[in-house]
Amino acid sequence: MKTQTRNLLSCLAIILISCLLLSACAEKQLEELIEQQEEKTETTEEPVQPEEPVVALPGLPDDVAGYTQWLKLNAEPIPPVPGGDPHNGTKNVYVNKTREDIAPNGEQQFPYPDGSIVVKEANRPGKDYVGLIAIMRKKAGVDPDHNDWEFIEYVRNAPDAEFSVIAKDGVCWGCHARVEDIDYVFTELQ
């Protein structure tokens, strides 16, 4: 009887140890499965939504589409100049370059690099929409007398109206010549 009891106890011990081992394996497999699922969750990106195409405001050239996403030169909106100014209104000025491009050591460098596009927008006094866009484009060789800048200005009279050209080059040079030392651009990087 002692032998049968010992055999029975041995069998129970083997069964118990087997259950514990199986349980430990199952627990380890479960932990690994959970870990894999968490890794999948962490690395699975949200489905990429197609970005809406950036479109220029009506009447403006395509190369200034999305200009408000460019580097903004002024820290605060520029108020209208008392007595008026050619770009009358509250203004913001943007450039299609990075801070590193125009201020590599933290201080703005002049002249602007070839290919620079500067866009000044203005909300006319009493209006809540952009009614004026002035654009300067730097193109090597286009106008050496004015540091190779092309100037063009657009206006519109309603928020859904198309912009139309009101001034170009020569009309702008006289005023901008006052800031020739900072490459004809009134607003410096702040």
N, C-alpha and C. Protein backbone atom coordinates (compact mmCIF):
# COMPACT_ATOMS: atom_id res chain seq x y z
N MET A 1 0.82 -1.16 0.00
CA MET A 1 0.00 0.00 0.00
C MET A 1 0.87 1.24 0.00
N LYS A 2 1.98 1.18 0.70
CA LYS A 2 2.89 2.32 0.76
C LYS A 2 3.43 2.61 -0.64
N THR A 3 3.68 1.59 -1.41
CA THR A 3 4.22 1.76 -2.75
C THR A 3 3.17 2.44 -3.63
N GLN A 4 1.94 2.01 -3.50
CA GLN A 4 0.87 2.62 -4.30
C GLN A 4 0.69 4.08 -3.91
N THR A 5 0.77 4.37 -2.64
CA THR A 5 0.61 5.74 -2.17
C THR A 5 1.76 6.59 -2.70
N ARG A 6 2.99 6.01 -2.63
CA ARG A 6 4.14 6.75 -3.15
C ARG A 6 3.98 6.99 -4.65
N ASN A 7 3.54 5.98 -5.38
CA ASN A 7 3.34 6.12 -6.82
C ASN A 7 2.26 7.17 -7.11
N LEU A 8 1.22 7.11 -6.33
CA LEU A 8 0.13 8.07 -6.51
C LEU A 8 0.62 9.48 -6.21
N LEU A 9 1.38 9.62 -5.12
CA LEU A 9 1.93 10.93 -4.75
C LEU A 9 2.90 11.41 -5.83
N SER A 10 3.72 10.49 -6.36
CA SER A 10 4.66 10.83 -7.43
C SER A 10 3.90 11.30 -8.67
N CYS A 11 2.85 10.59 -9.02
CA CYS A 11 2.03 10.98 -10.17
C CYS A 11 1.40 12.34 -9.95
N LEU A 12 0.87 12.54 -8.75
CA LEU A 12 0.25 13.85 -8.43
C LEU A 12 1.30 14.95 -8.49
N ALA A 13 2.51 14.65 -7.97
CA ALA A 13 3.57 15.65 -8.00
C ALA A 13 3.93 15.99 -9.44
N ILE A 14 4.04 14.97 -10.30
CA ILE A 14 4.37 15.17 -11.71
C ILE A 14 3.26 15.98 -12.39
N ILE A 15 2.03 15.64 -12.08
CA ILE A 15 0.89 16.37 -12.66
C ILE A 15 0.91 17.82 -12.18
N LEU A 16 1.15 18.02 -10.90
CA LEU A 16 1.20 19.36 -10.32
C LEU A 16 2.33 20.18 -10.94
N ILE A 17 3.51 19.58 -11.04
CA ILE A 17 4.66 20.28 -11.64
C ILE A 17 4.36 20.58 -13.10
N SER A 18 3.77 19.63 -13.82
CA SER A 18 3.41 19.84 -15.23
C SER A 18 2.42 20.99 -15.36
N CYS A 19 1.43 21.01 -14.46
CA CYS A 19 0.44 22.10 -14.49
C CYS A 19 1.10 23.44 -14.23
N LEU A 20 2.00 23.48 -13.26
CA LEU A 20 2.71 24.72 -12.95
C LEU A 20 3.55 25.17 -14.15
N LEU A 21 4.26 24.24 -14.77
CA LEU A 21 5.06 24.57 -15.95
C LEU A 21 4.19 25.06 -17.10
N LEU A 22 3.10 24.35 -17.35
CA LEU A 22 2.18 24.77 -18.40
C LEU A 22 1.60 26.14 -18.10
N SER A 23 1.27 26.36 -16.86
CA SER A 23 0.71 27.63 -16.44
C SER A 23 1.74 28.74 -16.65
N ALA A 24 2.99 28.48 -16.26
CA ALA A 24 4.06 29.47 -16.43
C ALA A 24 4.28 29.75 -17.92
N CYS A 25 4.29 28.70 -18.74
CA CYS A 25 4.45 28.88 -20.19
C CYS A 25 3.30 29.68 -20.77
N ALA A 26 2.10 29.30 -20.36
CA ALA A 26 0.92 30.00 -20.86
C ALA A 26 0.96 31.47 -20.45
N GLU A 27 1.37 31.72 -19.20
CA GLU A 27 1.45 33.10 -18.72
C GLU A 27 2.51 33.86 -19.51
N LYS A 28 3.67 33.24 -19.77
CA LYS A 28 4.73 33.89 -20.54
C LYS A 28 4.25 34.16 -21.96
N GLN A 29 3.56 33.19 -22.58
CA GLN A 29 3.03 33.38 -23.92
C GLN A 29 2.00 34.51 -23.95
N LEU A 30 1.18 34.56 -22.92
CA LEU A 30 0.18 35.61 -22.82
C LEU A 30 0.87 36.97 -22.70
N GLU A 31 1.91 37.06 -21.86
CA GLU A 31 2.65 38.31 -21.71
C GLU A 31 3.28 38.73 -23.04
N GLU A 32 3.88 37.76 -23.75
CA GLU A 32 4.49 38.06 -25.05
C GLU A 32 3.45 38.53 -26.05
N LEU A 33 2.30 37.90 -26.04
CA LEU A 33 1.22 38.27 -26.94
C LEU A 33 0.75 39.70 -26.65
N ILE A 34 0.58 40.00 -25.36
CA ILE A 34 0.16 41.35 -24.96
C ILE A 34 1.23 42.36 -25.37
N GLU A 35 2.49 42.04 -25.15
CA GLU A 35 3.60 42.93 -25.51
C GLU A 35 3.62 43.18 -27.02
N GLN A 36 3.44 42.12 -27.81
CA GLN A 36 3.41 42.27 -29.27
C GLN A 36 2.25 43.16 -29.70
N GLN A 37 1.11 42.98 -29.06
CA GLN A 37 -0.06 43.79 -29.40
C GLN A 37 0.19 45.25 -29.06
N GLU A 38 0.83 45.49 -27.89
CA GLU A 38 1.14 46.88 -27.51
C GLU A 38 2.11 47.50 -28.49
N GLU A 39 3.13 46.73 -28.92
CA GLU A 39 4.08 47.25 -29.90
C GLU A 39 3.38 47.58 -31.21
N LYS A 40 2.47 46.72 -31.63
CA LYS A 40 1.71 46.99 -32.85
C LYS A 40 0.91 48.26 -32.71
N THR A 41 0.29 48.42 -31.55
CA THR A 41 -0.52 49.61 -31.30
C THR A 41 0.34 50.86 -31.33
N GLU A 42 1.54 50.76 -30.71
CA GLU A 42 2.42 51.93 -30.66
C GLU A 42 2.96 52.28 -32.04
N THR A 43 3.29 51.28 -32.85
CA THR A 43 3.91 51.56 -34.14
C THR A 43 2.91 51.72 -35.27
N THR A 44 1.68 51.30 -35.05
CA THR A 44 0.68 51.46 -36.09
C THR A 44 0.29 52.93 -36.15
N GLU A 45 0.53 53.54 -37.30
CA GLU A 45 0.18 54.94 -37.46
C GLU A 45 -1.27 55.06 -37.86
N GLU A 46 -1.80 56.22 -37.51
CA GLU A 46 -3.16 56.51 -37.95
C GLU A 46 -3.15 56.57 -39.47
N PRO A 47 -4.22 56.18 -40.09
CA PRO A 47 -4.25 56.29 -41.54
C PRO A 47 -4.02 57.75 -41.95
N VAL A 48 -3.14 57.94 -42.90
CA VAL A 48 -2.80 59.29 -43.33
C VAL A 48 -3.94 59.84 -44.17
N GLN A 49 -4.45 60.95 -43.71
CA GLN A 49 -5.51 61.63 -44.46
C GLN A 49 -4.84 62.46 -45.55
N PRO A 50 -5.31 62.40 -46.74
CA PRO A 50 -4.68 63.22 -47.79
C PRO A 50 -4.84 64.69 -47.43
N GLU A 51 -3.71 65.42 -47.56
CA GLU A 51 -3.76 66.85 -47.26
C GLU A 51 -4.49 67.56 -48.39
N GLU A 52 -5.22 68.58 -47.97
CA GLU A 52 -5.88 69.38 -49.00
C GLU A 52 -4.81 70.16 -49.74
N PRO A 53 -4.92 70.25 -51.04
CA PRO A 53 -3.91 70.99 -51.78
C PRO A 53 -3.92 72.46 -51.37
N VAL A 54 -2.73 73.04 -51.30
CA VAL A 54 -2.61 74.45 -50.97
C VAL A 54 -2.88 75.22 -52.25
N VAL A 55 -3.83 76.10 -52.19
CA VAL A 55 -4.24 76.86 -53.37
C VAL A 55 -4.06 78.35 -53.08
N ALA A 56 -3.53 79.07 -54.06
CA ALA A 56 -3.35 80.51 -53.91
C ALA A 56 -4.71 81.20 -53.83
N LEU A 57 -4.75 82.32 -53.13
CA LEU A 57 -5.98 83.11 -53.09
C LEU A 57 -6.34 83.50 -54.53
N PRO A 58 -7.63 83.69 -54.81
CA PRO A 58 -8.05 83.96 -56.19
C PRO A 58 -7.36 85.18 -56.80
N GLY A 59 -6.76 84.98 -57.97
CA GLY A 59 -6.08 86.07 -58.67
C GLY A 59 -4.60 86.17 -58.37
N LEU A 60 -4.12 85.41 -57.37
CA LEU A 60 -2.69 85.44 -57.03
C LEU A 60 -1.96 84.29 -57.71
N PRO A 61 -0.66 84.46 -57.98
CA PRO A 61 0.10 83.39 -58.63
C PRO A 61 0.29 82.18 -57.71
N ASP A 62 0.43 81.02 -58.31
CA ASP A 62 0.57 79.77 -57.57
C ASP A 62 1.79 79.73 -56.65
N ASP A 63 2.86 80.45 -57.01
CA ASP A 63 4.08 80.35 -56.20
C ASP A 63 3.94 80.99 -54.81
N VAL A 64 2.82 81.65 -54.53
CA VAL A 64 2.60 82.19 -53.18
C VAL A 64 1.49 81.44 -52.43
N ALA A 65 1.03 80.35 -53.00
CA ALA A 65 0.01 79.54 -52.32
C ALA A 65 0.56 79.07 -50.97
N GLY A 66 -0.22 79.23 -49.93
CA GLY A 66 0.20 78.79 -48.60
C GLY A 66 1.21 79.70 -47.93
N TYR A 67 1.36 80.93 -48.39
CA TYR A 67 2.38 81.83 -47.84
C TYR A 67 2.26 82.04 -46.33
N THR A 68 1.07 81.91 -45.77
CA THR A 68 0.93 82.12 -44.32
C THR A 68 1.60 81.00 -43.52
N GLN A 69 2.01 79.93 -44.18
CA GLN A 69 2.75 78.85 -43.52
C GLN A 69 4.27 79.09 -43.59
N TRP A 70 4.68 80.12 -44.30
CA TRP A 70 6.10 80.45 -44.43
C TRP A 70 6.58 81.14 -43.15
N LEU A 71 7.87 81.46 -43.12
CA LEU A 71 8.46 82.17 -42.00
C LEU A 71 7.89 83.59 -41.94
N LYS A 72 7.33 83.94 -40.81
CA LYS A 72 6.76 85.27 -40.62
C LYS A 72 7.87 86.17 -40.08
N LEU A 73 8.12 87.28 -40.77
CA LEU A 73 9.20 88.18 -40.38
C LEU A 73 8.86 89.00 -39.14
N ASN A 74 7.63 89.47 -39.03
CA ASN A 74 7.22 90.31 -37.90
C ASN A 74 6.65 89.45 -36.78
N ALA A 75 6.97 89.83 -35.53
CA ALA A 75 6.46 89.08 -34.38
C ALA A 75 5.00 89.44 -34.10
N GLU A 76 4.65 90.68 -34.28
CA GLU A 76 3.29 91.18 -34.05
C GLU A 76 2.80 91.83 -35.34
N PRO A 77 1.49 91.84 -35.57
CA PRO A 77 0.99 92.54 -36.77
C PRO A 77 1.47 93.99 -36.79
N ILE A 78 1.78 94.47 -37.97
CA ILE A 78 2.28 95.83 -38.15
C ILE A 78 1.07 96.75 -38.35
N PRO A 79 0.89 97.72 -37.45
CA PRO A 79 -0.30 98.58 -37.56
C PRO A 79 -0.18 99.56 -38.73
N PRO A 80 -1.32 100.12 -39.15
CA PRO A 80 -1.27 101.14 -40.21
C PRO A 80 -0.41 102.32 -39.77
N VAL A 81 0.28 102.92 -40.71
CA VAL A 81 1.10 104.10 -40.42
C VAL A 81 0.18 105.30 -40.35
N PRO A 82 0.25 106.09 -39.25
CA PRO A 82 -0.59 107.30 -39.18
C PRO A 82 -0.37 108.18 -40.41
N GLY A 83 -1.44 108.63 -40.98
CA GLY A 83 -1.36 109.44 -42.18
C GLY A 83 -1.39 108.61 -43.45
N GLY A 84 -1.36 107.31 -43.30
CA GLY A 84 -1.46 106.41 -44.45
C GLY A 84 -0.11 105.96 -44.96
N ASP A 85 -0.13 104.91 -45.70
CA ASP A 85 1.06 104.38 -46.36
C ASP A 85 0.60 103.59 -47.57
N PRO A 86 1.51 103.28 -48.49
CA PRO A 86 1.09 102.59 -49.71
C PRO A 86 0.41 101.24 -49.44
N HIS A 87 0.77 100.60 -48.35
CA HIS A 87 0.16 99.31 -48.01
C HIS A 87 -0.73 99.49 -46.79
N ASN A 88 -1.55 100.49 -46.85
CA ASN A 88 -2.41 100.88 -45.74
C ASN A 88 -3.18 99.70 -45.18
N GLY A 89 -3.06 99.53 -43.87
CA GLY A 89 -3.77 98.45 -43.19
C GLY A 89 -2.89 97.79 -42.16
N THR A 90 -3.42 96.77 -41.52
CA THR A 90 -2.66 95.97 -40.56
C THR A 90 -1.97 94.87 -41.35
N LYS A 91 -0.63 94.79 -41.22
CA LYS A 91 0.16 93.97 -42.12
C LYS A 91 0.91 92.84 -41.41
N ASN A 92 1.15 91.78 -42.17
CA ASN A 92 2.06 90.69 -41.80
C ASN A 92 2.92 90.42 -43.00
N VAL A 93 4.19 90.04 -42.74
CA VAL A 93 5.14 89.83 -43.83
C VAL A 93 5.76 88.44 -43.68
N TYR A 94 5.77 87.69 -44.78
CA TYR A 94 6.25 86.30 -44.81
C TYR A 94 7.32 86.14 -45.87
N VAL A 95 8.21 85.17 -45.66
CA VAL A 95 9.23 84.85 -46.66
C VAL A 95 9.29 83.34 -46.83
N ASN A 96 9.55 82.91 -48.05
CA ASN A 96 9.57 81.47 -48.36
C ASN A 96 10.89 80.80 -47.97
N LYS A 97 11.64 81.37 -47.09
CA LYS A 97 12.91 80.80 -46.61
C LYS A 97 12.78 80.43 -45.14
N THR A 98 13.72 79.65 -44.65
CA THR A 98 13.72 79.30 -43.23
C THR A 98 14.53 80.33 -42.46
N ARG A 99 14.36 80.31 -41.16
CA ARG A 99 15.15 81.19 -40.29
C ARG A 99 16.64 80.92 -40.52
N GLU A 100 17.00 79.66 -40.66
CA GLU A 100 18.40 79.29 -40.89
C GLU A 100 18.91 79.86 -42.22
N ASP A 101 18.05 79.93 -43.24
CA ASP A 101 18.45 80.48 -44.54
C ASP A 101 18.79 81.96 -44.45
N ILE A 102 17.99 82.72 -43.72
CA ILE A 102 18.20 84.18 -43.72
C ILE A 102 18.89 84.70 -42.46
N ALA A 103 19.00 83.87 -41.44
CA ALA A 103 19.68 84.29 -40.21
C ALA A 103 20.49 83.10 -39.66
N PRO A 104 21.49 82.63 -40.44
CA PRO A 104 22.20 81.41 -40.05
C PRO A 104 22.89 81.47 -38.69
N ASN A 105 23.29 82.65 -38.25
CA ASN A 105 23.94 82.77 -36.94
C ASN A 105 23.04 83.47 -35.93
N GLY A 106 21.74 83.50 -36.23
CA GLY A 106 20.79 84.14 -35.33
C GLY A 106 20.51 85.59 -35.67
N GLU A 107 21.31 86.18 -36.55
CA GLU A 107 21.10 87.56 -36.97
C GLU A 107 20.86 87.58 -38.47
N GLN A 108 19.84 88.31 -38.88
CA GLN A 108 19.48 88.31 -40.30
C GLN A 108 20.63 88.80 -41.15
N GLN A 109 20.85 88.08 -42.26
CA GLN A 109 21.90 88.41 -43.22
C GLN A 109 21.27 89.01 -44.47
N PHE A 110 21.98 89.95 -45.07
CA PHE A 110 21.53 90.56 -46.32
C PHE A 110 22.64 90.41 -47.34
N PRO A 111 22.34 90.28 -48.60
CA PRO A 111 21.01 90.29 -49.20
C PRO A 111 20.30 88.94 -49.01
N TYR A 112 19.01 88.96 -49.32
CA TYR A 112 18.22 87.73 -49.32
C TYR A 112 18.78 86.80 -50.39
N PRO A 113 18.67 85.48 -50.18
CA PRO A 113 19.16 84.55 -51.20
C PRO A 113 18.28 84.57 -52.47
N ASP A 114 18.92 84.24 -53.59
CA ASP A 114 18.18 84.12 -54.85
C ASP A 114 17.03 83.14 -54.65
N GLY A 115 15.89 83.43 -55.24
CA GLY A 115 14.71 82.57 -55.10
C GLY A 115 13.80 82.97 -53.97
N SER A 116 14.22 83.97 -53.19
CA SER A 116 13.37 84.44 -52.08
C SER A 116 12.11 85.08 -52.62
N ILE A 117 11.01 84.80 -51.92
CA ILE A 117 9.74 85.47 -52.21
C ILE A 117 9.26 86.05 -50.89
N VAL A 118 9.01 87.34 -50.88
CA VAL A 118 8.49 88.03 -49.69
C VAL A 118 7.06 88.43 -50.01
N VAL A 119 6.14 88.10 -49.10
CA VAL A 119 4.72 88.44 -49.29
C VAL A 119 4.28 89.28 -48.10
N LYS A 120 3.75 90.45 -48.41
CA LYS A 120 3.14 91.31 -47.39
C LYS A 120 1.64 91.29 -47.62
N GLU A 121 0.90 90.94 -46.58
CA GLU A 121 -0.56 90.98 -46.67
C GLU A 121 -1.04 92.12 -45.79
N ALA A 122 -2.16 92.72 -46.17
CA ALA A 122 -2.73 93.79 -45.35
C ALA A 122 -4.24 93.67 -45.31
N ASN A 123 -4.77 93.78 -44.11
CA ASN A 123 -6.21 93.94 -43.91
C ASN A 123 -6.44 95.45 -43.88
N ARG A 124 -7.21 95.92 -44.81
CA ARG A 124 -7.48 97.36 -44.88
C ARG A 124 -8.22 97.82 -43.63
N PRO A 125 -8.02 99.08 -43.22
CA PRO A 125 -8.70 99.58 -42.02
C PRO A 125 -10.21 99.33 -42.08
N GLY A 126 -10.74 98.77 -41.01
CA GLY A 126 -12.17 98.51 -40.91
C GLY A 126 -12.62 97.24 -41.64
N LYS A 127 -11.71 96.51 -42.24
CA LYS A 127 -12.06 95.28 -42.98
C LYS A 127 -11.50 94.07 -42.23
N ASP A 128 -12.16 92.94 -42.34
CA ASP A 128 -11.71 91.72 -41.66
C ASP A 128 -11.21 90.66 -42.62
N TYR A 129 -10.71 91.07 -43.77
CA TYR A 129 -10.16 90.15 -44.76
C TYR A 129 -8.92 90.78 -45.38
N VAL A 130 -8.08 89.95 -45.96
CA VAL A 130 -6.88 90.44 -46.64
C VAL A 130 -7.32 91.11 -47.93
N GLY A 131 -7.01 92.40 -48.04
CA GLY A 131 -7.41 93.17 -49.21
C GLY A 131 -6.24 93.60 -50.07
N LEU A 132 -5.01 93.41 -49.57
CA LEU A 132 -3.82 93.79 -50.32
C LEU A 132 -2.76 92.70 -50.15
N ILE A 133 -2.10 92.37 -51.24
CA ILE A 133 -0.95 91.46 -51.23
C ILE A 133 0.14 92.13 -52.05
N ALA A 134 1.30 92.35 -51.43
CA ALA A 134 2.47 92.88 -52.14
C ALA A 134 3.52 91.78 -52.15
N ILE A 135 4.08 91.52 -53.32
CA ILE A 135 5.03 90.41 -53.47
C ILE A 135 6.35 90.94 -54.03
N MET A 136 7.44 90.48 -53.43
CA MET A 136 8.78 90.73 -53.95
C MET A 136 9.40 89.37 -54.27
N ARG A 137 9.94 89.24 -55.49
CA ARG A 137 10.60 88.00 -55.90
C ARG A 137 12.04 88.30 -56.27
N LYS A 138 12.98 87.57 -55.67
CA LYS A 138 14.41 87.75 -55.95
C LYS A 138 14.81 86.75 -57.02
N LYS A 139 15.18 87.27 -58.20
CA LYS A 139 15.59 86.41 -59.32
C LYS A 139 16.91 86.94 -59.87
N ALA A 140 17.94 86.14 -59.80
CA ALA A 140 19.27 86.55 -60.26
C ALA A 140 19.21 87.10 -61.68
N GLY A 141 19.76 88.32 -61.84
CA GLY A 141 19.88 88.93 -63.15
C GLY A 141 18.66 89.66 -63.66
N VAL A 142 17.54 89.62 -62.95
CA VAL A 142 16.30 90.22 -63.45
C VAL A 142 16.33 91.76 -63.38
N ASP A 143 16.98 92.32 -62.35
CA ASP A 143 17.04 93.78 -62.20
C ASP A 143 18.19 94.14 -61.26
N PRO A 144 19.43 94.11 -61.78
CA PRO A 144 20.59 94.39 -60.93
C PRO A 144 20.54 95.76 -60.23
N ASP A 145 19.88 96.74 -60.84
CA ASP A 145 19.79 98.07 -60.22
C ASP A 145 18.97 98.07 -58.94
N HIS A 146 18.13 97.06 -58.76
CA HIS A 146 17.29 96.97 -57.56
C HIS A 146 17.49 95.63 -56.87
N ASN A 147 18.77 95.21 -56.85
CA ASN A 147 19.17 93.97 -56.17
C ASN A 147 18.43 92.74 -56.67
N ASP A 148 18.00 92.77 -57.93
CA ASP A 148 17.33 91.64 -58.58
C ASP A 148 15.97 91.31 -57.99
N TRP A 149 15.28 92.32 -57.48
CA TRP A 149 13.92 92.13 -56.98
C TRP A 149 12.92 92.51 -58.05
N GLU A 150 11.85 91.74 -58.15
CA GLU A 150 10.66 92.11 -58.92
C GLU A 150 9.59 92.46 -57.88
N PHE A 151 8.86 93.51 -58.13
CA PHE A 151 7.80 93.96 -57.21
C PHE A 151 6.46 93.89 -57.92
N ILE A 152 5.43 93.48 -57.19
CA ILE A 152 4.08 93.49 -57.76
C ILE A 152 3.08 93.59 -56.59
N GLU A 153 2.03 94.34 -56.81
CA GLU A 153 1.03 94.54 -55.75
C GLU A 153 -0.37 94.26 -56.29
N TYR A 154 -1.15 93.54 -55.46
CA TYR A 154 -2.52 93.13 -55.82
C TYR A 154 -3.49 93.66 -54.77
N VAL A 155 -4.72 93.95 -55.19
CA VAL A 155 -5.78 94.35 -54.25
C VAL A 155 -7.09 93.67 -54.63
N ARG A 156 -7.99 93.65 -53.65
CA ARG A 156 -9.37 93.21 -53.89
C ARG A 156 -10.26 93.98 -52.93
N ASN A 157 -11.55 94.07 -53.27
CA ASN A 157 -12.48 94.88 -52.48
C ASN A 157 -13.51 94.07 -51.70
N ALA A 158 -13.40 92.75 -51.73
CA ALA A 158 -14.34 91.90 -50.99
C ALA A 158 -13.62 90.59 -50.66
N PRO A 159 -14.04 89.91 -49.59
CA PRO A 159 -13.34 88.69 -49.19
C PRO A 159 -13.40 87.55 -50.21
N ASP A 160 -14.41 87.55 -51.06
CA ASP A 160 -14.51 86.48 -52.06
C ASP A 160 -14.15 86.97 -53.46
N ALA A 161 -13.68 88.21 -53.57
CA ALA A 161 -13.31 88.77 -54.87
C ALA A 161 -11.92 88.28 -55.27
N GLU A 162 -11.65 88.37 -56.56
CA GLU A 162 -10.35 88.00 -57.09
C GLU A 162 -9.40 89.19 -56.97
N PHE A 163 -8.13 88.92 -56.65
CA PHE A 163 -7.12 89.98 -56.59
C PHE A 163 -6.78 90.43 -58.01
N SER A 164 -6.46 91.72 -58.16
CA SER A 164 -5.99 92.23 -59.45
C SER A 164 -4.76 93.11 -59.20
N VAL A 165 -3.90 93.20 -60.20
CA VAL A 165 -2.66 93.96 -60.11
C VAL A 165 -2.96 95.45 -60.14
N ILE A 166 -2.33 96.19 -59.19
CA ILE A 166 -2.48 97.65 -59.24
C ILE A 166 -1.14 98.36 -59.38
N ALA A 167 -0.03 97.67 -59.09
CA ALA A 167 1.28 98.33 -59.20
C ALA A 167 2.36 97.27 -59.47
N LYS A 168 3.42 97.73 -60.15
CA LYS A 168 4.56 96.86 -60.44
C LYS A 168 5.84 97.66 -60.38
N ASP A 169 6.91 96.97 -60.20
CA ASP A 169 8.29 97.44 -60.24
C ASP A 169 8.49 98.93 -59.99
N GLY A 170 8.54 99.77 -61.05
CA GLY A 170 8.88 101.19 -60.93
C GLY A 170 8.06 101.95 -59.91
N VAL A 171 6.79 101.61 -59.77
CA VAL A 171 5.92 102.29 -58.80
C VAL A 171 6.43 102.00 -57.38
N CYS A 172 7.06 100.86 -57.18
CA CYS A 172 7.49 100.43 -55.85
C CYS A 172 8.92 100.85 -55.52
N TRP A 173 9.78 101.02 -56.52
CA TRP A 173 11.20 101.24 -56.29
C TRP A 173 11.50 102.46 -55.44
N GLY A 174 10.83 103.58 -55.71
CA GLY A 174 11.12 104.83 -54.99
C GLY A 174 11.00 104.67 -53.49
N CYS A 175 9.95 104.04 -53.08
CA CYS A 175 9.72 103.85 -51.65
C CYS A 175 10.72 102.85 -51.06
N HIS A 176 10.90 101.73 -51.74
CA HIS A 176 11.77 100.68 -51.22
C HIS A 176 13.25 101.05 -51.26
N ALA A 177 13.62 102.06 -52.07
CA ALA A 177 15.02 102.50 -52.12
C ALA A 177 15.48 103.03 -50.76
N ARG A 178 14.53 103.47 -49.93
CA ARG A 178 14.88 103.96 -48.58
C ARG A 178 15.48 102.87 -47.70
N VAL A 179 15.22 101.60 -48.04
CA VAL A 179 15.76 100.49 -47.24
C VAL A 179 16.68 99.61 -48.10
N GLU A 180 17.39 100.25 -49.01
CA GLU A 180 18.32 99.51 -49.88
C GLU A 180 19.36 98.77 -49.04
N ASP A 181 19.77 99.35 -47.92
CA ASP A 181 20.80 98.73 -47.07
C ASP A 181 20.35 97.42 -46.44
N ILE A 182 19.03 97.18 -46.34
CA ILE A 182 18.53 95.90 -45.85
C ILE A 182 17.79 95.18 -46.98
N ASP A 183 18.38 95.29 -48.16
CA ASP A 183 17.93 94.59 -49.37
C ASP A 183 16.49 94.89 -49.76
N TYR A 184 16.12 96.18 -49.64
CA TYR A 184 14.84 96.69 -50.14
C TYR A 184 13.59 96.16 -49.40
N VAL A 185 13.78 95.41 -48.33
CA VAL A 185 12.64 94.85 -47.59
C VAL A 185 12.52 95.62 -46.27
N PHE A 186 11.41 96.32 -46.08
CA PHE A 186 11.21 97.13 -44.88
C PHE A 186 11.21 96.32 -43.59
N THR A 187 10.57 95.16 -43.60
CA THR A 187 10.40 94.38 -42.36
C THR A 187 11.55 93.40 -42.19
N GLU A 188 12.27 93.57 -41.09
CA GLU A 188 13.38 92.67 -40.78
C GLU A 188 12.85 91.53 -39.89
N LEU A 189 13.59 90.43 -39.90
CA LEU A 189 13.22 89.26 -39.09
C LEU A 189 13.28 89.61 -37.61
N GLN A 190 12.20 89.32 -36.91
CA GLN A 190 12.15 89.60 -35.46
C GLN A 190 12.25 88.33 -34.68
